[in-house]
């Protein structure tokens, strides 16, 4: 098997998103940039950022990006029309904000932080933290399940935290599930009612895929 086409951007490409509305690919990488590519991998544009981007989320209309910048201790808001950073949210109440999820319906983003281990709910218009709750340590993946109004936080500490969130930003823990030490990467597939967590090889435990069935 050989790739049909490749493109070289820079080092440390960390997150990738597909803009279904405009049929574009977005890639965060390097010391601070997000590139927009066409489907044939031609570079269409690039937005410079003040630090390396970790997880980022795209609004359904494709107009704004919310980007975690843990090394800069903030979140950048990118205006895609102007191709520039339009706002930076600081004083987030916790640091090391790596994973992120978006709930556009209620105008809020979710940040799972590591210092301290905490989930933050942030208003997408003001950048204010409107709710927060302790969560699993070493969080590296986060998913929002809009049908169940649930958040799934995957942490390398060896647990999956499940939180319910109301329309009024009230957070409640509904599960603290064993996974495996170092298991930080996952995939939520709502059509299958499944959450997948990748567990790495550790000691005598082989690398494996953990599959969690979600109640209807």
C-alpha atoms as a PDB file:
ATOM      1  CA  UNK A   1       0.000   0.000   0.000  1.00  0.00           C
ATOM      2  CA  UNK A   2       1.369   3.418  -0.972  1.00  0.00           C
ATOM      3  CA  UNK A   3       0.078   6.913  -0.232  1.00  0.00           C
ATOM      4  CA  UNK A   4      -1.576   8.673  -3.169  1.00  0.00           C
ATOM      5  CA  UNK A   5      -0.139  12.039  -2.172  1.00  0.00           C
ATOM      6  CA  UNK A   6       1.813  13.602   0.679  1.00  0.00           C
ATOM      7  CA  UNK A   7       2.373  17.138   1.907  1.00  0.00           C
ATOM      8  CA  UNK A   8       5.117  18.492   4.170  1.00  0.00           C
ATOM      9  CA  UNK A   9       4.071  21.093   6.721  1.00  0.00           C
ATOM     10  CA  UNK A  10       6.366  21.000   9.736  1.00  0.00           C
ATOM     11  CA  UNK A  11       7.145  19.022  12.855  1.00  0.00           C
ATOM     12  CA  UNK A  12       4.830  17.850  15.640  1.00  0.00           C
ATOM     13  CA  UNK A  13       1.586  17.652  13.656  1.00  0.00           C
ATOM     14  CA  UNK A  14      -0.785  16.926  16.521  1.00  0.00           C
ATOM     15  CA  UNK A  15      -4.444  17.330  15.571  1.00  0.00           C
ATOM     16  CA  UNK A  16      -6.435  17.151  12.362  1.00  0.00           C
ATOM     17  CA  UNK A  17     -10.029  18.152  11.592  1.00  0.00           C
ATOM     18  CA  UNK A  18     -12.259  17.906   8.531  1.00  0.00           C
ATOM     19  CA  UNK A  19     -14.395  20.912   7.623  1.00  0.00           C
ATOM     20  CA  UNK A  20     -17.340  19.104   6.015  1.00  0.00           C
ATOM     21  CA  UNK A  21     -19.107  22.362   5.158  1.00  0.00           C
ATOM     22  CA  UNK A  22     -16.258  23.565   2.926  1.00  0.00           C
ATOM     23  CA  UNK A  23     -14.523  20.222   2.186  1.00  0.00           C
ATOM     24  CA  UNK A  24     -11.245  21.307   3.754  1.00  0.00           C
ATOM     25  CA  UNK A  25      -8.675  19.685   6.048  1.00  0.00           C
ATOM     26  CA  UNK A  26      -7.179  21.549   9.005  1.00  0.00           C
ATOM     27  CA  UNK A  27      -3.901  20.516  10.649  1.00  0.00           C
ATOM     28  CA  UNK A  28      -2.263  21.977  13.759  1.00  0.00           C
ATOM     29  CA  UNK A  29       1.516  21.691  13.961  1.00  0.00           C
ATOM     30  CA  UNK A  30       4.915  23.169  14.753  1.00  0.00           C
ATOM     31  CA  UNK A  31       5.680  26.003  17.119  1.00  0.00           C
ATOM     32  CA  UNK A  32       2.317  27.577  16.338  1.00  0.00           C
ATOM     33  CA  UNK A  33       0.253  27.197  13.187  1.00  0.00           C
ATOM     34  CA  UNK A  34      -2.880  25.684  11.707  1.00  0.00           C
ATOM     35  CA  UNK A  35      -2.821  24.958   7.991  1.00  0.00           C
ATOM     36  CA  UNK A  36      -5.915  24.618   5.817  1.00  0.00           C
ATOM     37  CA  UNK A  37      -5.604  22.120   2.961  1.00  0.00           C
ATOM     38  CA  UNK A  38      -7.828  21.242   0.044  1.00  0.00           C
ATOM     39  CA  UNK A  39      -8.737  17.575  -0.436  1.00  0.00           C
ATOM     40  CA  UNK A  40      -5.861  17.144  -2.888  1.00  0.00           C
ATOM     41  CA  UNK A  41      -3.520  18.321  -0.064  1.00  0.00           C
ATOM     42  CA  UNK A  42      -2.729  21.687  -1.598  1.00  0.00           C
ATOM     43  CA  UNK A  43      -2.048  24.268   1.134  1.00  0.00           C
ATOM     44  CA  UNK A  44      -4.777  26.883   0.936  1.00  0.00           C
ATOM     45  CA  UNK A  45      -3.895  29.054   3.929  1.00  0.00           C
ATOM     46  CA  UNK A  46      -2.133  29.129   7.293  1.00  0.00           C
ATOM     47  CA  UNK A  47      -2.951  30.850  10.574  1.00  0.00           C
ATOM     48  CA  UNK A  48      -0.031  31.681  12.860  1.00  0.00           C
ATOM     49  CA  UNK A  49      -0.479  31.037  16.591  1.00  0.00           C
ATOM     50  CA  UNK A  50       1.571  32.180  19.598  1.00  0.00           C
ATOM     51  CA  UNK A  51       2.334  28.586  20.691  1.00  0.00           C
ATOM     52  CA  UNK A  52       2.043  24.954  19.609  1.00  0.00           C
ATOM     53  CA  UNK A  53      -1.625  23.932  19.151  1.00  0.00           C
ATOM     54  CA  UNK A  54      -2.984  20.873  20.886  1.00  0.00           C
ATOM     55  CA  UNK A  55      -6.645  19.901  20.435  1.00  0.00           C
ATOM     56  CA  UNK A  56      -8.775  22.359  18.468  1.00  0.00           C
ATOM     57  CA  UNK A  57     -12.456  22.438  17.538  1.00  0.00           C
ATOM     58  CA  UNK A  58     -14.252  23.907  14.547  1.00  0.00           C
ATOM     59  CA  UNK A  59     -17.724  25.423  14.675  1.00  0.00           C
ATOM     60  CA  UNK A  60     -20.195  23.688  12.309  1.00  0.00           C
ATOM     61  CA  UNK A  61     -20.438  26.781  10.096  1.00  0.00           C
ATOM     62  CA  UNK A  62     -16.656  26.783   9.767  1.00  0.00           C
ATOM     63  CA  UNK A  63     -16.328  30.404  10.881  1.00  0.00           C
ATOM     64  CA  UNK A  64     -14.396  29.971  14.139  1.00  0.00           C
ATOM     65  CA  UNK A  65     -11.740  27.729  15.635  1.00  0.00           C
ATOM     66  CA  UNK A  66     -11.091  27.214  19.333  1.00  0.00           C
ATOM     67  CA  UNK A  67      -7.507  26.108  19.938  1.00  0.00           C
ATOM     68  CA  UNK A  68      -5.853  24.805  23.108  1.00  0.00           C
ATOM     69  CA  UNK A  69      -2.441  26.417  23.647  1.00  0.00           C
ATOM     70  CA  UNK A  70      -1.190  24.809  26.876  1.00  0.00           C
ATOM     71  CA  UNK A  71       2.338  26.199  26.564  1.00  0.00           C
ATOM     72  CA  UNK A  72       0.822  29.685  26.361  1.00  0.00           C
ATOM     73  CA  UNK A  73      -1.638  28.882  29.181  1.00  0.00           C
ATOM     74  CA  UNK A  74      -4.671  29.949  27.192  1.00  0.00           C
ATOM     75  CA  UNK A  75      -7.154  29.190  24.411  1.00  0.00           C
ATOM     76  CA  UNK A  76      -6.974  31.016  21.073  1.00  0.00           C
ATOM     77  CA  UNK A  77     -10.083  31.885  19.084  1.00  0.00           C
ATOM     78  CA  UNK A  78      -9.415  32.037  15.341  1.00  0.00           C
ATOM     79  CA  UNK A  79     -11.558  34.024  12.923  1.00  0.00           C
ATOM     80  CA  UNK A  80     -11.284  31.930   9.757  1.00  0.00           C
ATOM     81  CA  UNK A  81     -12.646  34.682   7.536  1.00  0.00           C
ATOM     82  CA  UNK A  82      -9.848  37.032   8.584  1.00  0.00           C
ATOM     83  CA  UNK A  83      -7.366  34.169   9.076  1.00  0.00           C
ATOM     84  CA  UNK A  84      -6.206  35.566  12.403  1.00  0.00           C
ATOM     85  CA  UNK A  85      -6.470  35.120  16.160  1.00  0.00           C
ATOM     86  CA  UNK A  86      -9.401  37.263  17.276  1.00  0.00           C
ATOM     87  CA  UNK A  87      -9.265  36.531  21.022  1.00  0.00           C
ATOM     88  CA  UNK A  88      -7.234  34.715  23.665  1.00  0.00           C
ATOM     89  CA  UNK A  89      -8.856  33.324  26.803  1.00  0.00           C
ATOM     90  CA  UNK A  90      -6.576  33.453  29.825  1.00  0.00           C
ATOM     91  CA  UNK A  91      -7.072  32.875  33.574  1.00  0.00           C
ATOM     92  CA  UNK A  92      -8.757  29.547  32.901  1.00  0.00           C
ATOM     93  CA  UNK A  93      -8.666  28.271  36.540  1.00  0.00           C
ATOM     94  CA  UNK A  94      -6.451  25.313  35.522  1.00  0.00           C
ATOM     95  CA  UNK A  95      -3.401  24.718  33.312  1.00  0.00           C
ATOM     96  CA  UNK A  96      -2.152  22.076  30.861  1.00  0.00           C
ATOM     97  CA  UNK A  97      -5.351  22.202  28.802  1.00  0.00           C
ATOM     98  CA  UNK A  98      -4.729  19.498  26.181  1.00  0.00           C
ATOM     99  CA  UNK A  99      -8.054  17.891  25.077  1.00  0.00           C
ATOM    100  CA  UNK A 100     -11.130  19.885  24.060  1.00  0.00           C
ATOM    101  CA  UNK A 101     -14.717  19.236  22.966  1.00  0.00           C
ATOM    102  CA  UNK A 102     -17.358  21.615  21.600  1.00  0.00           C
ATOM    103  CA  UNK A 103     -21.091  21.965  22.237  1.00  0.00           C
ATOM    104  CA  UNK A 104     -22.130  24.581  19.705  1.00  0.00           C
ATOM    105  CA  UNK A 105     -25.843  24.268  20.583  1.00  0.00           C
ATOM    106  CA  UNK A 106     -25.222  25.659  24.080  1.00  0.00           C
ATOM    107  CA  UNK A 107     -22.267  27.899  23.101  1.00  0.00           C
ATOM    108  CA  UNK A 108     -19.696  26.186  25.294  1.00  0.00           C
ATOM    109  CA  UNK A 109     -16.401  24.364  24.999  1.00  0.00           C
ATOM    110  CA  UNK A 110     -15.063  21.779  27.398  1.00  0.00           C
ATOM    111  CA  UNK A 111     -11.406  21.700  28.439  1.00  0.00           C
ATOM    112  CA  UNK A 112      -9.819  18.838  30.351  1.00  0.00           C
ATOM    113  CA  UNK A 113      -6.806  20.189  32.236  1.00  0.00           C
ATOM    114  CA  UNK A 114      -3.975  18.418  34.065  1.00  0.00           C
ATOM    115  CA  UNK A 115      -2.795  21.086  36.544  1.00  0.00           C
ATOM    116  CA  UNK A 116      -4.892  20.474  38.532  1.00  0.00           C
ATOM    117  CA  UNK A 117      -6.894  17.600  37.033  1.00  0.00           C
ATOM    118  CA  UNK A 118     -10.118  19.428  36.258  1.00  0.00           C
ATOM    119  CA  UNK A 119     -12.820  19.766  33.602  1.00  0.00           C
ATOM    120  CA  UNK A 120     -13.696  23.340  32.670  1.00  0.00           C
ATOM    121  CA  UNK A 121     -16.822  24.549  30.889  1.00  0.00           C
ATOM    122  CA  UNK A 122     -16.142  27.786  28.998  1.00  0.00           C
ATOM    123  CA  UNK A 123     -18.638  30.157  27.386  1.00  0.00           C
ATOM    124  CA  UNK A 124     -17.707  30.521  23.696  1.00  0.00           C
ATOM    125  CA  UNK A 125     -18.817  34.167  23.546  1.00  0.00           C
ATOM    126  CA  UNK A 126     -17.079  35.540  26.641  1.00  0.00           C
ATOM    127  CA  UNK A 127     -14.296  33.034  27.351  1.00  0.00           C
ATOM    128  CA  UNK A 128     -15.485  32.851  30.966  1.00  0.00           C
ATOM    129  CA  UNK A 129     -15.321  29.592  32.930  1.00  0.00           C
ATOM    130  CA  UNK A 130     -18.952  28.884  33.855  1.00  0.00           C
ATOM    131  CA  UNK A 131     -18.488  25.509  35.568  1.00  0.00           C
ATOM    132  CA  UNK A 132     -15.710  23.176  36.670  1.00  0.00           C
ATOM    133  CA  UNK A 133     -15.227  19.817  38.350  1.00  0.00           C
ATOM    134  CA  UNK A 134     -12.266  17.575  39.321  1.00  0.00           C
ATOM    135  CA  UNK A 135     -11.604  14.761  36.875  1.00  0.00           C
ATOM    136  CA  UNK A 136      -9.123  12.010  35.961  1.00  0.00           C
ATOM    137  CA  UNK A 137      -5.436  12.925  35.827  1.00  0.00           C
ATOM    138  CA  UNK A 138      -3.261  13.082  32.696  1.00  0.00           C
ATOM    139  CA  UNK A 139      -6.295  13.710  30.468  1.00  0.00           C
ATOM    140  CA  UNK A 140      -5.524  13.529  26.767  1.00  0.00           C
ATOM    141  CA  UNK A 141      -8.849  12.841  25.039  1.00  0.00           C
ATOM    142  CA  UNK A 142     -12.312  14.272  25.623  1.00  0.00           C
ATOM    143  CA  UNK A 143     -15.629  13.687  23.885  1.00  0.00           C
ATOM    144  CA  UNK A 144     -19.081  15.243  24.177  1.00  0.00           C
ATOM    145  CA  UNK A 145     -22.097  12.995  23.665  1.00  0.00           C
ATOM    146  CA  UNK A 146     -24.937  15.378  22.853  1.00  0.00           C
ATOM    147  CA  UNK A 147     -27.631  12.681  22.891  1.00  0.00           C
ATOM    148  CA  UNK A 148     -26.832  11.633  26.465  1.00  0.00           C
ATOM    149  CA  UNK A 149     -25.545  15.075  27.527  1.00  0.00           C
ATOM    150  CA  UNK A 150     -22.432  13.284  28.713  1.00  0.00           C
ATOM    151  CA  UNK A 151     -18.715  13.980  28.665  1.00  0.00           C
ATOM    152  CA  UNK A 152     -16.106  11.212  28.428  1.00  0.00           C
ATOM    153  CA  UNK A 153     -12.681  12.154  29.793  1.00  0.00           C
ATOM    154  CA  UNK A 154      -9.858   9.674  29.100  1.00  0.00           C
ATOM    155  CA  UNK A 155      -6.768   9.968  31.302  1.00  0.00           C
ATOM    156  CA  UNK A 156      -3.432   8.197  31.478  1.00  0.00           C
ATOM    157  CA  UNK A 157      -4.001   7.756  35.193  1.00  0.00           C
ATOM    158  CA  UNK A 158      -5.944   4.656  34.172  1.00  0.00           C
ATOM    159  CA  UNK A 159      -9.553   5.785  34.303  1.00  0.00           C
ATOM    160  CA  UNK A 160     -12.385   7.019  32.136  1.00  0.00           C
ATOM    161  CA  UNK A 161     -14.522   9.675  33.795  1.00  0.00           C
ATOM    162  CA  UNK A 162     -18.133  10.080  32.702  1.00  0.00           C
ATOM    163  CA  UNK A 163     -19.840  13.369  33.558  1.00  0.00           C
ATOM    164  CA  UNK A 164     -23.387  14.502  32.911  1.00  0.00           C
ATOM    165  CA  UNK A 165     -23.917  18.156  32.058  1.00  0.00           C
ATOM    166  CA  UNK A 166     -27.259  19.951  32.104  1.00  0.00           C
ATOM    167  CA  UNK A 167     -28.307  22.732  29.749  1.00  0.00           C
ATOM    168  CA  UNK A 168     -27.527  25.101  32.658  1.00  0.00           C
ATOM    169  CA  UNK A 169     -23.935  23.858  33.061  1.00  0.00           C
ATOM    170  CA  UNK A 170     -24.524  21.685  36.121  1.00  0.00           C
ATOM    171  CA  UNK A 171     -21.919  18.907  36.202  1.00  0.00           C
ATOM    172  CA  UNK A 172     -22.392  15.543  37.915  1.00  0.00           C
ATOM    173  CA  UNK A 173     -20.168  12.468  37.932  1.00  0.00           C
ATOM    174  CA  UNK A 174     -21.931   9.361  36.607  1.00  0.00           C
ATOM    175  CA  UNK A 175     -18.976   7.013  36.210  1.00  0.00           C
ATOM    176  CA  UNK A 176     -15.299   6.461  37.111  1.00  0.00           C
ATOM    177  CA  UNK A 177     -14.331   3.448  35.021  1.00  0.00           C
ATOM    178  CA  UNK A 178     -11.068   1.471  35.090  1.00  0.00           C
ATOM    179  CA  UNK A 179      -9.147   1.488  31.810  1.00  0.00           C
ATOM    180  CA  UNK A 180      -5.385   0.898  31.879  1.00  0.00           C
ATOM    181  CA  UNK A 181      -2.342   2.890  32.981  1.00  0.00           C
ATOM    182  CA  UNK A 182      -1.169   5.122  30.156  1.00  0.00           C
ATOM    183  CA  UNK A 183      -4.398   4.742  28.146  1.00  0.00           C
ATOM    184  CA  UNK A 184      -5.008   8.300  26.977  1.00  0.00           C
ATOM    185  CA  UNK A 185      -6.249   8.043  23.391  1.00  0.00           C
ATOM    186  CA  UNK A 186      -9.810   7.163  22.390  1.00  0.00           C
ATOM    187  CA  UNK A 187     -12.541   7.437  19.796  1.00  0.00           C
ATOM    188  CA  UNK A 188     -16.246   8.030  20.397  1.00  0.00           C
ATOM    189  CA  UNK A 189     -18.562   6.652  17.683  1.00  0.00           C
ATOM    190  CA  UNK A 190     -22.119   7.822  18.497  1.00  0.00           C
ATOM    191  CA  UNK A 191     -23.681   5.816  15.648  1.00  0.00           C
ATOM    192  CA  UNK A 192     -22.430   2.608  17.293  1.00  0.00           C
ATOM    193  CA  UNK A 193     -22.978   3.658  20.921  1.00  0.00           C
ATOM    194  CA  UNK A 194     -19.354   2.761  21.525  1.00  0.00           C
ATOM    195  CA  UNK A 195     -16.316   4.385  23.100  1.00  0.00           C
ATOM    196  CA  UNK A 196     -12.912   2.967  22.147  1.00  0.00           C
ATOM    197  CA  UNK A 197      -9.812   3.436  24.313  1.00  0.00           C
ATOM    198  CA  UNK A 198      -6.304   2.445  23.208  1.00  0.00           C
ATOM    199  CA  UNK A 199      -4.310   0.807  26.014  1.00  0.00           C
ATOM    200  CA  UNK A 200      -0.520   0.713  25.464  1.00  0.00           C
ATOM    201  CA  UNK A 201       1.846  -2.118  26.293  1.00  0.00           C
ATOM    202  CA  UNK A 202       2.865  -1.811  29.938  1.00  0.00           C
ATOM    203  CA  UNK A 203       4.866  -4.487  31.769  1.00  0.00           C
ATOM    204  CA  UNK A 204       3.170  -7.842  31.249  1.00  0.00           C
ATOM    205  CA  UNK A 205      -0.005  -6.254  29.815  1.00  0.00           C
ATOM    206  CA  UNK A 206      -0.060  -6.261  26.004  1.00  0.00           C
ATOM    207  CA  UNK A 207      -1.296  -3.360  23.903  1.00  0.00           C
ATOM    208  CA  UNK A 208      -5.041  -3.726  23.361  1.00  0.00           C
ATOM    209  CA  UNK A 209      -8.201  -1.888  22.382  1.00  0.00           C
ATOM    210  CA  UNK A 210     -10.814  -1.427  25.096  1.00  0.00           C
ATOM    211  CA  UNK A 211     -14.391  -1.142  23.871  1.00  0.00           C
ATOM    212  CA  UNK A 212     -17.117   0.359  26.070  1.00  0.00           C
ATOM    213  CA  UNK A 213     -20.787  -0.034  25.232  1.00  0.00           C
ATOM    214  CA  UNK A 214     -22.903   2.997  26.107  1.00  0.00           C
ATOM    215  CA  UNK A 215     -26.401   2.643  27.423  1.00  0.00           C
ATOM    216  CA  UNK A 216     -29.087   3.890  24.995  1.00  0.00           C
END
